[in-house]
Structures are given as structure tokens and as C-alpha cells.
Amino acid sequence: LHDAGVFGFKAFLSPSGVDEFPHLSPAELEAAATEIAGFGGLL
């Protein structure tokens, strides 16, 4: 997605209000941040 041109990645730490966009747990936030940092992205 980063390579396809999005400007960064939105995450919720609590329920978003819509079922198709669930929030990240603390462990998942850490994993997302590590992954995004690896390719120089923005969270």
C-alpha cells in the first residue's frame, strides 16, 4: 500500500465504530509501528 502511493497508515487504538475497521491491540500497534518504520512510513 505504501508503494502504491498512500500517504501513511491510520490506526485506531479503540473501536472505530464500524466493524470493517477494527482497532489495534497494544501488541498489534507495536507490530504495525515496527513494520511501518521499516519502510520509512507514517503512522
Full PDB file with SEQRES, HELIX, SHEET, SSBOND, CRYST1, ORIGX, SCALE, CONECT and MASTER records, all heavy atoms in Angstrom:
SEQRES   1 A   43  LEU HIS ASP ALA GLY VAL PHE GLY PHE LYS ALA PHE LEU          
SEQRES   2 A   43  SER PRO SER GLY VAL ASP GLU PHE PRO HIS LEU SER PRO          
SEQRES   3 A   43  ALA GLU LEU GLU ALA ALA ALA THR GLU ILE ALA GLY PHE          
SEQRES   4 A   43  GLY GLY LEU LEU                                              
HELIX    1 AA1 PRO A   26  GLY A   38  1                                  13    
CRYST1    1.000    1.000    1.000  90.00  90.00  90.00 P 1           1          
ORIGX1      1.000000  0.000000  0.000000        0.00000                         
ORIGX2      0.000000  1.000000  0.000000        0.00000                         
ORIGX3      0.000000  0.000000  1.000000        0.00000                         
SCALE1      1.000000  0.000000  0.000000        0.00000                         
SCALE2      0.000000  1.000000  0.000000        0.00000                         
SCALE3      0.000000  0.000000  1.000000        0.00000                         
ATOM      1  N   LEU A   1       0.835  -1.211   0.000  1.00  0.00           N  
ATOM      2  CA  LEU A   1       0.000   0.000   0.000  1.00  0.00           C  
ATOM      3  C   LEU A   1       0.865   1.256   0.000  1.00  0.00           C  
ATOM      4  O   LEU A   1       0.571   2.226  -0.697  1.00  0.00           O  
ATOM      5  CB  LEU A   1      -0.898   0.000   1.237  1.00  0.00           C  
ATOM      6  CG  LEU A   1      -2.364  -0.400   1.087  1.00  0.00           C  
ATOM      7  CD1 LEU A   1      -3.053  -0.365   2.439  1.00  0.00           C  
ATOM      8  CD2 LEU A   1      -3.091   0.503   0.103  1.00  0.00           C  
ATOM      9  N   HIS A   2       1.932   1.228   0.782  1.00  0.00           N  
ATOM     10  CA  HIS A   2       2.879   2.341   0.792  1.00  0.00           C  
ATOM     11  C   HIS A   2       3.449   2.559  -0.604  1.00  0.00           C  
ATOM     12  O   HIS A   2       3.502   3.688  -1.102  1.00  0.00           O  
ATOM     13  CB  HIS A   2       3.992   2.027   1.793  1.00  0.00           C  
ATOM     14  CG  HIS A   2       5.173   2.922   1.722  1.00  0.00           C  
ATOM     15  ND1 HIS A   2       5.185   4.206   2.224  1.00  0.00           N  
ATOM     16  CD2 HIS A   2       6.411   2.729   1.204  1.00  0.00           C  
ATOM     17  CE1 HIS A   2       6.360   4.747   2.016  1.00  0.00           C  
ATOM     18  NE2 HIS A   2       7.130   3.884   1.396  1.00  0.00           N  
ATOM     19  N   ASP A   3       3.857   1.479  -1.246  1.00  0.00           N  
ATOM     20  CA  ASP A   3       4.430   1.583  -2.590  1.00  0.00           C  
ATOM     21  C   ASP A   3       3.404   2.056  -3.611  1.00  0.00           C  
ATOM     22  O   ASP A   3       3.766   2.655  -4.627  1.00  0.00           O  
ATOM     23  CB  ASP A   3       5.011   0.231  -3.017  1.00  0.00           C  
ATOM     24  CG  ASP A   3       6.221  -0.182  -2.189  1.00  0.00           C  
ATOM     25  OD1 ASP A   3       6.809   0.697  -1.518  1.00  0.00           O  
ATOM     26  OD2 ASP A   3       6.568  -1.381  -2.195  1.00  0.00           O  
ATOM     27  N   ALA A   4       2.122   1.784  -3.341  1.00  0.00           N  
ATOM     28  CA  ALA A   4       1.060   2.204  -4.254  1.00  0.00           C  
ATOM     29  C   ALA A   4       0.696   3.678  -4.082  1.00  0.00           C  
ATOM     30  O   ALA A   4      -0.110   4.193  -4.863  1.00  0.00           O  
ATOM     31  CB  ALA A   4      -0.180   1.336  -4.049  1.00  0.00           C  
ATOM     32  N   GLY A   5       1.266   4.350  -3.069  1.00  0.00           N  
ATOM     33  CA  GLY A   5       1.116   5.791  -3.008  1.00  0.00           C  
ATOM     34  C   GLY A   5       0.263   6.351  -1.900  1.00  0.00           C  
ATOM     35  O   GLY A   5      -0.032   7.557  -1.919  1.00  0.00           O  
ATOM     36  N   VAL A   6      -0.138   5.544  -0.891  1.00  0.00           N  
ATOM     37  CA  VAL A   6      -0.852   6.157   0.233  1.00  0.00           C  
ATOM     38  C   VAL A   6       0.121   7.020   1.021  1.00  0.00           C  
ATOM     39  O   VAL A   6       1.339   6.804   1.009  1.00  0.00           O  
ATOM     40  CB  VAL A   6      -1.505   5.095   1.146  1.00  0.00           C  
ATOM     41  CG1 VAL A   6      -2.542   4.293   0.393  1.00  0.00           C  
ATOM     42  CG2 VAL A   6      -0.471   4.189   1.808  1.00  0.00           C  
ATOM     43  N   PHE A   7      -0.413   8.002   1.718  1.00  0.00           N  
ATOM     44  CA  PHE A   7       0.426   8.955   2.433  1.00  0.00           C  
ATOM     45  C   PHE A   7       0.812   8.474   3.828  1.00  0.00           C  
ATOM     46  O   PHE A   7       1.625   9.113   4.493  1.00  0.00           O  
ATOM     47  CB  PHE A   7      -0.276  10.307   2.510  1.00  0.00           C  
ATOM     48  CG  PHE A   7      -0.227  11.050   1.204  1.00  0.00           C  
ATOM     49  CD1 PHE A   7      -1.226  10.881   0.255  1.00  0.00           C  
ATOM     50  CD2 PHE A   7       0.828  11.885   0.903  1.00  0.00           C  
ATOM     51  CE1 PHE A   7      -1.167  11.543  -0.963  1.00  0.00           C  
ATOM     52  CE2 PHE A   7       0.896  12.551  -0.310  1.00  0.00           C  
ATOM     53  CZ  PHE A   7      -0.102  12.379  -1.248  1.00  0.00           C  
ATOM     54  N   GLY A   8       0.250   7.382   4.264  1.00  0.00           N  
ATOM     55  CA  GLY A   8       0.544   6.836   5.571  1.00  0.00           C  
ATOM     56  C   GLY A   8      -0.573   5.901   5.969  1.00  0.00           C  
ATOM     57  O   GLY A   8      -1.451   5.561   5.157  1.00  0.00           O  
ATOM     58  N   PHE A   9      -0.570   5.474   7.245  1.00  0.00           N  
ATOM     59  CA  PHE A   9      -1.468   4.428   7.704  1.00  0.00           C  
ATOM     60  C   PHE A   9      -2.181   4.867   8.969  1.00  0.00           C  
ATOM     61  O   PHE A   9      -1.547   5.191   9.976  1.00  0.00           O  
ATOM     62  CB  PHE A   9      -0.683   3.140   7.968  1.00  0.00           C  
ATOM     63  CG  PHE A   9      -0.070   2.583   6.717  1.00  0.00           C  
ATOM     64  CD1 PHE A   9       1.185   3.011   6.308  1.00  0.00           C  
ATOM     65  CD2 PHE A   9      -0.750   1.683   5.927  1.00  0.00           C  
ATOM     66  CE1 PHE A   9       1.751   2.533   5.137  1.00  0.00           C  
ATOM     67  CE2 PHE A   9      -0.200   1.207   4.751  1.00  0.00           C  
ATOM     68  CZ  PHE A   9       1.049   1.627   4.348  1.00  0.00           C  
ATOM     69  N   LYS A  10      -3.516   4.839   8.901  1.00  0.00           N  
ATOM     70  CA  LYS A  10      -4.320   5.197  10.065  1.00  0.00           C  
ATOM     71  C   LYS A  10      -4.616   3.953  10.883  1.00  0.00           C  
ATOM     72  O   LYS A  10      -4.983   2.902  10.348  1.00  0.00           O  
ATOM     73  CB  LYS A  10      -5.630   5.854   9.656  1.00  0.00           C  
ATOM     74  CG  LYS A  10      -6.464   6.273  10.866  1.00  0.00           C  
ATOM     75  CD  LYS A  10      -7.708   7.040  10.486  1.00  0.00           C  
ATOM     76  CE  LYS A  10      -8.413   7.547  11.747  1.00  0.00           C  
ATOM     77  NZ  LYS A  10      -9.602   8.356  11.416  1.00  0.00           N  
ATOM     78  N   ALA A  11      -4.498   4.103  12.204  1.00  0.00           N  
ATOM     79  CA  ALA A  11      -4.849   3.043  13.128  1.00  0.00           C  
ATOM     80  C   ALA A  11      -5.701   3.614  14.244  1.00  0.00           C  
ATOM     81  O   ALA A  11      -5.531   4.764  14.650  1.00  0.00           O  
ATOM     82  CB  ALA A  11      -3.594   2.395  13.700  1.00  0.00           C  
ATOM     83  N   PHE A  12      -6.606   2.798  14.751  1.00  0.00           N  
ATOM     84  CA  PHE A  12      -7.391   3.113  15.935  1.00  0.00           C  
ATOM     85  C   PHE A  12      -6.849   2.304  17.103  1.00  0.00           C  
ATOM     86  O   PHE A  12      -6.507   1.125  16.942  1.00  0.00           O  
ATOM     87  CB  PHE A  12      -8.863   2.747  15.725  1.00  0.00           C  
ATOM     88  CG  PHE A  12      -9.676   3.784  15.014  1.00  0.00           C  
ATOM     89  CD1 PHE A  12      -9.556   3.956  13.643  1.00  0.00           C  
ATOM     90  CD2 PHE A  12     -10.577   4.575  15.702  1.00  0.00           C  
ATOM     91  CE1 PHE A  12     -10.309   4.901  12.977  1.00  0.00           C  
ATOM     92  CE2 PHE A  12     -11.333   5.528  15.047  1.00  0.00           C  
ATOM     93  CZ  PHE A  12     -11.203   5.701  13.676  1.00  0.00           C  
ATOM     94  N   LEU A  13      -6.828   2.904  18.276  1.00  0.00           N  
ATOM     95  CA  LEU A  13      -6.469   2.186  19.493  1.00  0.00           C  
ATOM     96  C   LEU A  13      -7.691   1.769  20.287  1.00  0.00           C  
ATOM     97  O   LEU A  13      -7.568   1.040  21.276  1.00  0.00           O  
ATOM     98  CB  LEU A  13      -5.547   3.051  20.370  1.00  0.00           C  
ATOM     99  CG  LEU A  13      -4.258   3.537  19.704  1.00  0.00           C  
ATOM    100  CD1 LEU A  13      -3.326   4.138  20.747  1.00  0.00           C  
ATOM    101  CD2 LEU A  13      -3.565   2.431  18.932  1.00  0.00           C  
ATOM    102  N   SER A  14      -8.876   2.207  19.847  1.00  0.00           N  
ATOM    103  CA  SER A  14     -10.156   1.823  20.445  1.00  0.00           C  
ATOM    104  C   SER A  14     -11.123   1.576  19.298  1.00  0.00           C  
ATOM    105  O   SER A  14     -10.834   1.923  18.144  1.00  0.00           O  
ATOM    106  CB  SER A  14     -10.661   2.941  21.362  1.00  0.00           C  
ATOM    107  OG  SER A  14     -10.761   4.162  20.652  1.00  0.00           O  
ATOM    108  N   PRO A  15     -12.274   0.962  19.552  1.00  0.00           N  
ATOM    109  CA  PRO A  15     -13.200   0.644  18.454  1.00  0.00           C  
ATOM    110  C   PRO A  15     -13.523   1.868  17.599  1.00  0.00           C  
ATOM    111  O   PRO A  15     -13.808   2.959  18.105  1.00  0.00           O  
ATOM    112  CB  PRO A  15     -14.431   0.110  19.181  1.00  0.00           C  
ATOM    113  CG  PRO A  15     -13.868  -0.507  20.422  1.00  0.00           C  
ATOM    114  CD  PRO A  15     -12.748   0.404  20.837  1.00  0.00           C  
ATOM    115  N   SER A  16     -13.497   1.651  16.279  1.00  0.00           N  
ATOM    116  CA  SER A  16     -13.668   2.751  15.327  1.00  0.00           C  
ATOM    117  C   SER A  16     -15.119   3.147  15.121  1.00  0.00           C  
ATOM    118  O   SER A  16     -15.399   4.230  14.600  1.00  0.00           O  
ATOM    119  CB  SER A  16     -13.067   2.361  13.976  1.00  0.00           C  
ATOM    120  OG  SER A  16     -13.865   1.365  13.349  1.00  0.00           O  
ATOM    121  N   GLY A  17     -16.045   2.242  15.449  1.00  0.00           N  
ATOM    122  CA  GLY A  17     -17.450   2.485  15.193  1.00  0.00           C  
ATOM    123  C   GLY A  17     -17.982   1.749  13.989  1.00  0.00           C  
ATOM    124  O   GLY A  17     -19.197   1.684  13.789  1.00  0.00           O  
ATOM    125  N   VAL A  18     -17.076   1.186  13.162  1.00  0.00           N  
ATOM    126  CA  VAL A  18     -17.503   0.376  12.017  1.00  0.00           C  
ATOM    127  C   VAL A  18     -16.762  -0.961  12.080  1.00  0.00           C  
ATOM    128  O   VAL A  18     -15.562  -1.009  12.342  1.00  0.00           O  
ATOM    129  CB  VAL A  18     -17.250   1.085  10.672  1.00  0.00           C  
ATOM    130  CG1 VAL A  18     -18.165   2.296  10.525  1.00  0.00           C  
ATOM    131  CG2 VAL A  18     -15.803   1.509  10.511  1.00  0.00           C  
ATOM    132  N   ASP A  19     -17.488  -2.034  11.842  1.00  0.00           N  
ATOM    133  CA  ASP A  19     -16.943  -3.379  12.047  1.00  0.00           C  
ATOM    134  C   ASP A  19     -15.788  -3.704  11.110  1.00  0.00           C  
ATOM    135  O   ASP A  19     -14.897  -4.484  11.469  1.00  0.00           O  
ATOM    136  CB  ASP A  19     -18.043  -4.423  11.867  1.00  0.00           C  
ATOM    137  CG  ASP A  19     -19.098  -4.356  12.959  1.00  0.00           C  
ATOM    138  OD1 ASP A  19     -18.804  -3.774  14.029  1.00  0.00           O  
ATOM    139  OD2 ASP A  19     -20.217  -4.860  12.734  1.00  0.00           O  
ATOM    140  N   GLU A  20     -15.797  -3.125   9.901  1.00  0.00           N  
ATOM    141  CA  GLU A  20     -14.780  -3.497   8.909  1.00  0.00           C  
ATOM    142  C   GLU A  20     -13.436  -2.819   9.159  1.00  0.00           C  
ATOM    143  O   GLU A  20     -12.473  -3.071   8.423  1.00  0.00           O  
ATOM    144  CB  GLU A  20     -15.278  -3.198   7.494  1.00  0.00           C  
ATOM    145  CG  GLU A  20     -15.472  -1.736   7.172  1.00  0.00           C  
ATOM    146  CD  GLU A  20     -16.815  -1.170   7.597  1.00  0.00           C  
ATOM    147  OE1 GLU A  20     -17.623  -1.917   8.212  1.00  0.00           O  
ATOM    148  OE2 GLU A  20     -17.052   0.025   7.313  1.00  0.00           O  
ATOM    149  N   PHE A  21     -13.346  -1.979  10.192  1.00  0.00           N  
ATOM    150  CA  PHE A  21     -12.080  -1.319  10.506  1.00  0.00           C  
ATOM    151  C   PHE A  21     -11.798  -1.479  12.001  1.00  0.00           C  
ATOM    152  O   PHE A  21     -11.932  -0.544  12.791  1.00  0.00           O  
ATOM    153  CB  PHE A  21     -12.118   0.163  10.127  1.00  0.00           C  
ATOM    154  CG  PHE A  21     -10.755   0.768   9.894  1.00  0.00           C  
ATOM    155  CD1 PHE A  21     -10.235   0.878   8.613  1.00  0.00           C  
ATOM    156  CD2 PHE A  21      -9.982   1.219  10.958  1.00  0.00           C  
ATOM    157  CE1 PHE A  21      -8.979   1.430   8.391  1.00  0.00           C  
ATOM    158  CE2 PHE A  21      -8.729   1.779  10.760  1.00  0.00           C  
ATOM    159  CZ  PHE A  21      -8.228   1.877   9.471  1.00  0.00           C  
ATOM    160  N   PRO A  22     -11.387  -2.699  12.425  1.00  0.00           N  
ATOM    161  CA  PRO A  22     -11.144  -2.936  13.854  1.00  0.00           C  
ATOM    162  C   PRO A  22      -9.892  -2.233  14.352  1.00  0.00           C  
ATOM    163  O   PRO A  22      -8.988  -1.899  13.582  1.00  0.00           O  
ATOM    164  CB  PRO A  22     -11.005  -4.457  13.938  1.00  0.00           C  
ATOM    165  CG  PRO A  22     -10.622  -4.895  12.574  1.00  0.00           C  
ATOM    166  CD  PRO A  22     -11.242  -3.917  11.617  1.00  0.00           C  
ATOM    167  N   HIS A  23      -9.845  -2.047  15.667  1.00  0.00           N  
ATOM    168  CA  HIS A  23      -8.711  -1.340  16.275  1.00  0.00           C  
ATOM    169  C   HIS A  23      -7.568  -2.306  16.548  1.00  0.00           C  
ATOM    170  O   HIS A  23      -7.720  -3.530  16.507  1.00  0.00           O  
ATOM    171  CB  HIS A  23      -9.144  -0.631  17.549  1.00  0.00           C  
ATOM    172  CG  HIS A  23      -9.528  -1.533  18.681  1.00  0.00           C  
ATOM    173  ND1 HIS A  23     -10.709  -2.246  18.702  1.00  0.00           N  
ATOM    174  CD2 HIS A  23      -8.889  -1.840  19.833  1.00  0.00           C  
ATOM    175  CE1 HIS A  23     -10.787  -2.938  19.818  1.00  0.00           C  
ATOM    176  NE2 HIS A  23      -9.693  -2.724  20.531  1.00  0.00           N  
ATOM    177  N   LEU A  24      -6.405  -1.719  16.825  1.00  0.00           N  
ATOM    178  CA  LEU A  24      -5.211  -2.498  17.119  1.00  0.00           C  
ATOM    179  C   LEU A  24      -5.040  -2.645  18.628  1.00  0.00           C  
ATOM    180  O   LEU A  24      -5.203  -1.674  19.382  1.00  0.00           O  
ATOM    181  CB  LEU A  24      -3.963  -1.814  16.547  1.00  0.00           C  
ATOM    182  CG  LEU A  24      -3.912  -1.582  15.037  1.00  0.00           C  
ATOM    183  CD1 LEU A  24      -2.576  -0.929  14.661  1.00  0.00           C  
ATOM    184  CD2 LEU A  24      -4.111  -2.872  14.258  1.00  0.00           C  
ATOM    185  N   SER A  25      -4.681  -3.845  19.060  1.00  0.00           N  
ATOM    186  CA  SER A  25      -4.293  -4.071  20.451  1.00  0.00           C  
ATOM    187  C   SER A  25      -2.914  -3.458  20.677  1.00  0.00           C  
ATOM    188  O   SER A  25      -2.214  -3.087  19.718  1.00  0.00           O  
ATOM    189  CB  SER A  25      -4.235  -5.564  20.737  1.00  0.00           C  
ATOM    190  OG  SER A  25      -3.136  -6.154  20.029  1.00  0.00           O  
ATOM    191  N   PRO A  26      -2.466  -3.328  21.930  1.00  0.00           N  
ATOM    192  CA  PRO A  26      -1.109  -2.815  22.164  1.00  0.00           C  
ATOM    193  C   PRO A  26      -0.040  -3.600  21.420  1.00  0.00           C  
ATOM    194  O   PRO A  26       0.889  -2.999  20.847  1.00  0.00           O  
ATOM    195  CB  PRO A  26      -0.963  -2.924  23.683  1.00  0.00           C  
ATOM    196  CG  PRO A  26      -2.352  -2.740  24.206  1.00  0.00           C  
ATOM    197  CD  PRO A  26      -3.227  -3.449  23.202  1.00  0.00           C  
ATOM    198  N   ALA A  27      -0.141  -4.922  21.393  1.00  0.00           N  
ATOM    199  CA  ALA A  27       0.855  -5.724  20.673  1.00  0.00           C  
ATOM    200  C   ALA A  27       0.781  -5.478  19.176  1.00  0.00           C  
ATOM    201  O   ALA A  27       1.812  -5.413  18.483  1.00  0.00           O  
ATOM    202  CB  ALA A  27       0.664  -7.206  20.978  1.00  0.00           C  
ATOM    203  N   GLU A  28      -0.440  -5.324  18.647  1.00  0.00           N  
ATOM    204  CA  GLU A  28      -0.600  -5.065  17.216  1.00  0.00           C  
ATOM    205  C   GLU A  28      -0.111  -3.671  16.850  1.00  0.00           C  
ATOM    206  O   GLU A  28       0.449  -3.473  15.760  1.00  0.00           O  
ATOM    207  CB  GLU A  28      -2.057  -5.259  16.818  1.00  0.00           C  
ATOM    208  CG  GLU A  28      -2.490  -6.720  16.851  1.00  0.00           C  
ATOM    209  CD  GLU A  28      -3.996  -6.899  16.840  1.00  0.00           C  
ATOM    210  OE1 GLU A  28      -4.733  -5.951  17.206  1.00  0.00           O  
ATOM    211  OE2 GLU A  28      -4.447  -8.004  16.482  1.00  0.00           O  
ATOM    212  N   LEU A  29      -0.305  -2.697  17.735  1.00  0.00           N  
ATOM    213  CA  LEU A  29       0.238  -1.360  17.495  1.00  0.00           C  
ATOM    214  C   LEU A  29       1.755  -1.422  17.383  1.00  0.00           C  
ATOM    215  O   LEU A  29       2.347  -0.810  16.487  1.00  0.00           O  
ATOM    216  CB  LEU A  29      -0.176  -0.405  18.615  1.00  0.00           C  
ATOM    217  CG  LEU A  29       0.452   0.993  18.564  1.00  0.00           C  
ATOM    218  CD1 LEU A  29      -0.027   1.766  17.336  1.00  0.00           C  
ATOM    219  CD2 LEU A  29       0.147   1.766  19.846  1.00  0.00           C  
ATOM    220  N   GLU A  30       2.385  -2.151  18.276  1.00  0.00           N  
ATOM    221  CA  GLU A  30       3.842  -2.300  18.235  1.00  0.00           C  
ATOM    222  C   GLU A  30       4.280  -2.937  16.920  1.00  0.00           C  
ATOM    223  O   GLU A  30       5.247  -2.504  16.289  1.00  0.00           O  
ATOM    224  CB  GLU A  30       4.303  -3.154  19.416  1.00  0.00           C  
ATOM    225  CG  GLU A  30       5.797  -3.259  19.557  1.00  0.00           C  
ATOM    226  CD  GLU A  30       6.370  -2.275  20.575  1.00  0.00           C  
ATOM    227  OE1 GLU A  30       5.608  -1.732  21.380  1.00  0.00           O  
ATOM    228  OE2 GLU A  30       7.594  -2.061  20.541  1.00  0.00           O  
ATOM    229  N   ALA A  31       3.545  -3.972  16.503  1.00  0.00           N  
ATOM    230  CA  ALA A  31       3.894  -4.649  15.255  1.00  0.00           C  
ATOM    231  C   ALA A  31       3.720  -3.719  14.058  1.00  0.00           C  
ATOM    232  O   ALA A  31       4.564  -3.684  13.151  1.00  0.00           O  
ATOM    233  CB  ALA A  31       3.035  -5.906  15.088  1.00  0.00           C  
ATOM    234  N   ALA A  32       2.623  -2.968  14.037  1.00  0.00           N  
ATOM    235  CA  ALA A  32       2.392  -2.034  12.931  1.00  0.00           C  
ATOM    236  C   ALA A  32       3.477  -0.967  12.893  1.00  0.00           C  
ATOM    237  O   ALA A  32       4.007  -0.635  11.820  1.00  0.00           O  
ATOM    238  CB  ALA A  32       1.023  -1.383  13.077  1.00  0.00           C  
ATOM    239  N   ALA A  33       3.834  -0.428  14.054  1.00  0.00           N  
ATOM    240  CA  ALA A  33       4.856   0.621  14.104  1.00  0.00           C  
ATOM    241  C   ALA A  33       6.203   0.095  13.631  1.00  0.00           C  
ATOM    242  O   ALA A  33       6.925   0.780  12.880  1.00  0.00           O  
ATOM    243  CB  ALA A  33       4.968   1.162  15.530  1.00  0.00           C  
ATOM    244  N   THR A  34       6.545  -1.107  14.044  1.00  0.00           N  
ATOM    245  CA  THR A  34       7.818  -1.702  13.611  1.00  0.00           C  
ATOM    246  C   THR A  34       7.839  -1.890  12.103  1.00  0.00           C  
ATOM    247  O   THR A  34       8.834  -1.575  11.429  1.00  0.00           O  
ATOM    248  CB  THR A  34       8.032  -3.044  14.326  1.00  0.00           C  
ATOM    249  OG1 THR A  34       8.046  -2.830  15.741  1.00  0.00           O  
ATOM    250  CG2 THR A  34       9.341  -3.685  13.894  1.00  0.00           C  
ATOM    251  N   GLU A  35       6.734  -2.383  11.566  1.00  0.00           N  
ATOM    252  CA  GLU A  35       6.643  -2.610  10.119  1.00  0.00           C  
ATOM    253  C   GLU A  35       6.715  -1.293   9.354  1.00  0.00           C  
ATOM    254  O   GLU A  35       7.461  -1.169   8.369  1.00  0.00           O  
ATOM    255  CB  GLU A  35       5.332  -3.332   9.808  1.00  0.00           C  
ATOM    256  CG  GLU A  35       5.131  -3.666   8.341  1.00  0.00           C  
ATOM    257  CD  GLU A  35       3.812  -4.383   8.070  1.00  0.00           C  
ATOM    258  OE1 GLU A  35       3.077  -4.687   9.041  1.00  0.00           O  
ATOM    259  OE2 GLU A  35       3.510  -4.621   6.885  1.00  0.00           O  
ATOM    260  N   ILE A  36       5.969  -0.281   9.779  1.00  0.00           N  
ATOM    261  CA  ILE A  36       5.934   0.996   9.080  1.00  0.00           C  
ATOM    262  C   ILE A  36       7.279   1.700   9.168  1.00  0.00           C  
ATOM    263  O   ILE A  36       7.758   2.292   8.192  1.00  0.00           O  
ATOM    264  CB  ILE A  36       4.788   1.855   9.633  1.00  0.00           C  
ATOM    265  CG1 ILE A  36       3.440   1.217   9.283  1.00  0.00           C  
ATOM    266  CG2 ILE A  36       4.850   3.280   9.084  1.00  0.00           C  
ATOM    267  CD1 ILE A  36       2.253   1.799  10.041  1.00  0.00           C  
ATOM    268  N   ALA A  37       7.912   1.620  10.330  1.00  0.00           N  
ATOM    269  CA  ALA A  37       9.245   2.220  10.468  1.00  0.00           C  
ATOM    270  C   ALA A  37      10.237   1.561   9.527  1.00  0.00           C  
ATOM    271  O   ALA A  37      11.152   2.222   9.005  1.00  0.00           O  
ATOM    272  CB  ALA A  37       9.731   2.096  11.915  1.00  0.00           C  
ATOM    273  N   GLY A  38      10.053   0.281   9.268  1.00  0.00           N  
ATOM    274  CA  GLY A  38      10.989  -0.459   8.416  1.00  0.00           C  
ATOM    275  C   GLY A  38      11.036   0.048   6.991  1.00  0.00           C  
ATOM    276  O   GLY A  38      12.085  -0.053   6.335  1.00  0.00           O  
ATOM    277  N   PHE A  39       9.927   0.585   6.487  1.00  0.00           N  
ATOM    278  CA  PHE A  39       9.963   1.125   5.120  1.00  0.00           C  
ATOM    279  C   PHE A  39       9.823   2.646   5.093  1.00  0.00           C  
ATOM    280  O   PHE A  39       9.559   3.244   4.050  1.00  0.00           O  
ATOM    281  CB  PHE A  39       8.922   0.450   4.205  1.00  0.00           C  
ATOM    282  CG  PHE A  39       7.497   0.468   4.689  1.00  0.00           C  
ATOM    283  CD1 PHE A  39       6.735   1.633   4.648  1.00  0.00           C  
ATOM    284  CD2 PHE A  39       6.886  -0.699   5.148  1.00  0.00           C  
ATOM    285  CE1 PHE A  39       5.415   1.636   5.060  1.00  0.00           C  
ATOM    286  CE2 PHE A  39       5.564  -0.704   5.565  1.00  0.00           C  
ATOM    287  CZ  PHE A  39       4.822   0.469   5.521  1.00  0.00           C  
ATOM    288  N   GLY A  40      10.013   3.282   6.243  1.00  0.00           N  
ATOM    289  CA  GLY A  40      10.010   4.746   6.287  1.00  0.00           C  
ATOM    290  C   GLY A  40       8.654   5.367   6.153  1.00  0.00           C  
ATOM    291  O   GLY A  40       8.526   6.470   5.606  1.00  0.00           O  
ATOM    292  N   GLY A  41       7.625   4.699   6.643  1.00  0.00           N  
ATOM    293  CA  GLY A  41       6.266   5.203   6.508  1.00  0.00           C  
ATOM    294  C   GLY A  41       5.826   6.073   7.668  1.00  0.00           C  
ATOM    295  O   GLY A  41       6.594   6.387   8.578  1.00  0.00           O  
ATOM    296  N   LEU A  42       4.574   6.438   7.644  1.00  0.00           N  
ATOM    297  CA  LEU A  42       3.967   7.336   8.616  1.00  0.00           C  
ATOM    298  C   LEU A  42       2.750   6.654   9.226  1.00  0.00           C  
ATOM    299  O   LEU A  42       1.891   6.124   8.517  1.00  0.00           O  
ATOM    300  CB  LEU A  42       3.553   8.640   7.925  1.00  0.00           C  
ATOM    301  CG  LEU A  42       2.685   9.631   8.705  1.00  0.00           C  
ATOM    302  CD1 LEU A  42       3.401  10.119   9.955  1.00  0.00           C  
ATOM    303  CD2 LEU A  42       2.306  10.808   7.808  1.00  0.00           C  
ATOM    304  N   LEU A  43       2.667   6.678  10.561  1.00  0.00           N  
ATOM    305  CA  LEU A  43       1.549   6.116  11.310  1.00  0.00           C  
ATOM    306  C   LEU A  43       0.723   7.261  11.876  1.00  0.00           C  
ATOM    307  O   LEU A  43       1.261   8.127  12.575  1.00  0.00           O  
ATOM    308  CB  LEU A  43       2.080   5.226  12.438  1.00  0.00           C  
ATOM    309  CG  LEU A  43       1.066   4.633  13.419  1.00  0.00           C  
ATOM    310  CD1 LEU A  43       0.142   3.642  12.723  1.00  0.00           C  
ATOM    311  CD2 LEU A  43       1.797   3.962  14.593  1.00  0.00           C  
TER     312      LEU A  43                                                      
MASTER        0    0    0    1    0    0    0    6  311    1    0    4          
END                                                                             
